């Protein structure tokens, strides 16, 4: 399976110090050049710029693919990541946070998860404590609703018996 990431998950995981979870969970991560450009932008978080300035061997950087017309309203990184995932959609998994991008992935049949889903997967595999990881995530610029946190927590611990 080809695992592709957009900029936002890389940014959030770099800021929390949990960027290596990507490698631990998925092995190699692929990003298009547009994501690299966004990651190195002077306005990007310092932790992300430092990570991308010297990317690890497990981060594969590929040329930007031709963009799907459906991605026209998205930013360059999201559009490029979705278009790349579309090229190998039968064997691709995209990590993306933007809600409009996630809706488009669903419409296009692209498997996807967000940063919080990555943290849930890591917690399920015993790589992190879920609450600690979510707390770190919430201490950054990343926006995550309490409803999403509770939904993920219920997936981790199973449904709570209301009787």
Protein backbone atom coordinates (compact mmCIF):
# COMPACT_ATOMS: atom_id res chain seq x y z
CA UNK A 1 0.00 0.00 0.00
CA UNK A 2 1.25 3.48 -0.88
CA UNK A 3 0.77 5.87 2.04
CA UNK A 4 0.63 9.52 0.99
CA UNK A 5 0.52 12.52 3.29
CA UNK A 6 -0.67 16.07 2.94
CA UNK A 7 1.07 18.94 4.73
CA UNK A 8 -1.25 19.33 7.74
CA UNK A 9 -0.62 15.88 9.26
CA UNK A 10 3.13 16.31 8.80
CA UNK A 11 2.92 19.71 10.46
CA UNK A 12 0.85 18.51 13.41
CA UNK A 13 3.02 15.45 13.99
CA UNK A 14 6.25 17.46 13.70
CA UNK A 15 4.96 20.06 16.17
CA UNK A 16 4.01 17.36 18.69
CA UNK A 17 7.30 15.51 18.31
CA UNK A 18 5.41 12.46 17.03
CA UNK A 19 6.40 12.59 13.35
CA UNK A 20 8.20 9.24 13.59
CA UNK A 21 4.83 7.57 14.22
CA UNK A 22 4.29 7.73 10.47
CA UNK A 23 7.32 5.54 9.84
CA UNK A 24 6.49 3.20 12.73
CA UNK A 25 2.93 2.70 11.45
CA UNK A 26 3.29 2.78 7.70
CA UNK A 27 6.95 2.41 6.75
CA UNK A 28 7.52 4.65 3.77
CA UNK A 29 5.48 7.85 3.36
CA UNK A 30 5.14 9.54 -0.02
CA UNK A 31 4.63 13.27 -0.50
CA UNK A 32 4.35 15.30 -3.70
CA UNK A 33 6.58 18.33 -4.28
CA UNK A 34 3.66 20.69 -3.52
CA UNK A 35 3.57 19.38 0.05
CA UNK A 36 7.32 19.91 0.36
CA UNK A 37 6.96 23.50 -0.85
CA UNK A 38 4.23 24.17 1.72
CA UNK A 39 6.31 22.53 4.45
CA UNK A 40 9.33 24.72 3.71
CA UNK A 41 7.35 27.96 3.47
CA UNK A 42 8.60 30.58 5.98
CA UNK A 43 5.14 30.60 7.60
CA UNK A 44 5.22 26.86 8.30
CA UNK A 45 5.99 25.71 11.86
CA UNK A 46 9.71 25.59 12.63
CA UNK A 47 9.55 21.89 13.55
CA UNK A 48 8.06 21.06 10.16
CA UNK A 49 10.58 23.18 8.26
CA UNK A 50 13.44 21.48 10.12
CA UNK A 51 12.00 18.03 9.40
CA UNK A 52 11.52 18.75 5.71
CA UNK A 53 14.90 20.47 5.31
CA UNK A 54 16.56 17.12 6.05
CA UNK A 55 13.90 14.50 5.33
CA UNK A 56 14.49 10.97 6.59
CA UNK A 57 15.02 8.08 4.19
CA UNK A 58 11.46 6.86 4.83
CA UNK A 59 9.98 10.02 3.29
CA UNK A 60 9.75 9.64 -0.48
CA UNK A 61 9.34 12.92 -2.37
CA UNK A 62 7.80 12.59 -5.83
CA UNK A 63 6.95 15.05 -8.62
CA UNK A 64 3.53 16.67 -8.54
CA UNK A 65 1.00 14.65 -10.55
CA UNK A 66 -1.46 16.18 -13.00
CA UNK A 67 -4.22 17.67 -10.86
CA UNK A 68 -7.75 16.33 -10.92
CA UNK A 69 -10.31 19.01 -11.86
CA UNK A 70 -12.23 18.14 -8.67
CA UNK A 71 -9.33 19.48 -6.58
CA UNK A 72 -9.52 23.04 -7.97
CA UNK A 73 -10.93 24.51 -4.73
CA UNK A 74 -8.26 22.93 -2.52
CA UNK A 75 -4.81 24.25 -1.71
CA UNK A 76 -1.86 23.03 -3.77
CA UNK A 77 -0.65 20.40 -1.29
CA UNK A 78 -4.06 18.84 -0.79
CA UNK A 79 -4.82 18.92 -4.52
CA UNK A 80 -1.51 17.28 -5.35
CA UNK A 81 -1.76 14.66 -2.59
CA UNK A 82 -5.32 13.69 -3.61
CA UNK A 83 -4.37 13.58 -7.28
CA UNK A 84 -1.39 11.37 -6.46
CA UNK A 85 -3.57 9.05 -4.37
CA UNK A 86 -6.10 8.90 -7.22
CA UNK A 87 -3.42 7.59 -9.59
CA UNK A 88 -2.97 4.50 -7.41
CA UNK A 89 -6.33 4.60 -5.58
CA UNK A 90 -6.68 0.82 -5.47
CA UNK A 91 -3.48 0.69 -3.45
CA UNK A 92 -3.31 4.14 -1.82
CA UNK A 93 -4.02 5.49 1.64
CA UNK A 94 -4.03 9.27 2.12
CA UNK A 95 -3.41 11.10 5.39
CA UNK A 96 -5.24 14.42 5.14
CA UNK A 97 -7.03 16.69 7.62
CA UNK A 98 -8.93 19.29 5.60
CA UNK A 99 -12.66 18.52 5.73
CA UNK A 100 -13.35 19.40 2.09
CA UNK A 101 -10.38 17.27 1.03
CA UNK A 102 -11.65 14.36 3.13
CA UNK A 103 -15.12 14.64 1.58
CA UNK A 104 -13.53 14.59 -1.87
CA UNK A 105 -11.52 11.49 -0.94
CA UNK A 106 -14.74 9.76 0.08
CA UNK A 107 -16.43 10.79 -3.18
CA UNK A 108 -13.45 9.52 -5.20
CA UNK A 109 -13.15 6.26 -3.28
CA UNK A 110 -9.73 7.09 -1.82
CA UNK A 111 -8.98 5.49 1.56
CA UNK A 112 -8.02 8.19 4.04
CA UNK A 113 -7.57 9.19 7.67
CA UNK A 114 -6.63 12.34 9.51
CA UNK A 115 -3.92 13.10 12.04
CA UNK A 116 -6.15 12.10 14.95
CA UNK A 117 -6.84 8.80 13.19
CA UNK A 118 -3.10 8.23 12.88
CA UNK A 119 -2.80 8.80 16.63
CA UNK A 120 -5.64 6.37 17.28
CA UNK A 121 -3.92 3.75 15.12
CA UNK A 122 -0.66 4.34 17.02
CA UNK A 123 -2.48 3.96 20.35
CA UNK A 124 -4.18 0.76 19.20
CA UNK A 125 -0.73 -0.63 18.36
CA UNK A 126 0.68 0.45 21.73
CA UNK A 127 3.03 3.06 20.27
CA UNK A 128 1.59 6.04 22.19
CA UNK A 129 -0.83 6.83 24.97
CA UNK A 130 -3.89 8.20 23.16
CA UNK A 131 -4.79 10.90 25.69
CA UNK A 132 -1.20 12.15 25.90
CA UNK A 133 -0.89 12.26 22.10
CA UNK A 134 -4.22 14.09 21.71
CA UNK A 135 -3.22 16.55 24.45
CA UNK A 136 0.00 17.29 22.56
CA UNK A 137 -1.99 17.73 19.36
CA UNK A 138 -4.44 20.12 21.02
CA UNK A 139 -1.53 22.23 22.31
CA UNK A 140 -0.65 23.12 18.70
CA UNK A 141 -2.56 25.17 16.11
CA UNK A 142 -4.40 22.00 15.14
CA UNK A 143 -8.18 22.19 15.59
CA UNK A 144 -9.92 19.09 16.88
CA UNK A 145 -13.45 19.02 18.27
CA UNK A 146 -14.29 17.31 21.54
CA UNK A 147 -16.81 15.20 19.63
CA UNK A 148 -14.06 13.81 17.41
CA UNK A 149 -11.85 13.09 20.43
CA UNK A 150 -14.70 11.24 22.15
CA UNK A 151 -15.51 9.30 18.97
CA UNK A 152 -11.88 8.20 18.67
CA UNK A 153 -11.65 7.41 22.38
CA UNK A 154 -14.73 5.16 22.05
CA UNK A 155 -13.04 3.34 19.16
CA UNK A 156 -10.00 2.82 21.35
CA UNK A 157 -11.81 1.63 24.46
CA UNK A 158 -15.02 0.27 22.94
CA UNK A 159 -18.52 1.51 23.68
CA UNK A 160 -19.33 2.60 27.22
CA UNK A 161 -22.18 0.63 28.77
CA UNK A 162 -24.84 3.17 29.70
CA UNK A 163 -26.71 0.91 32.15
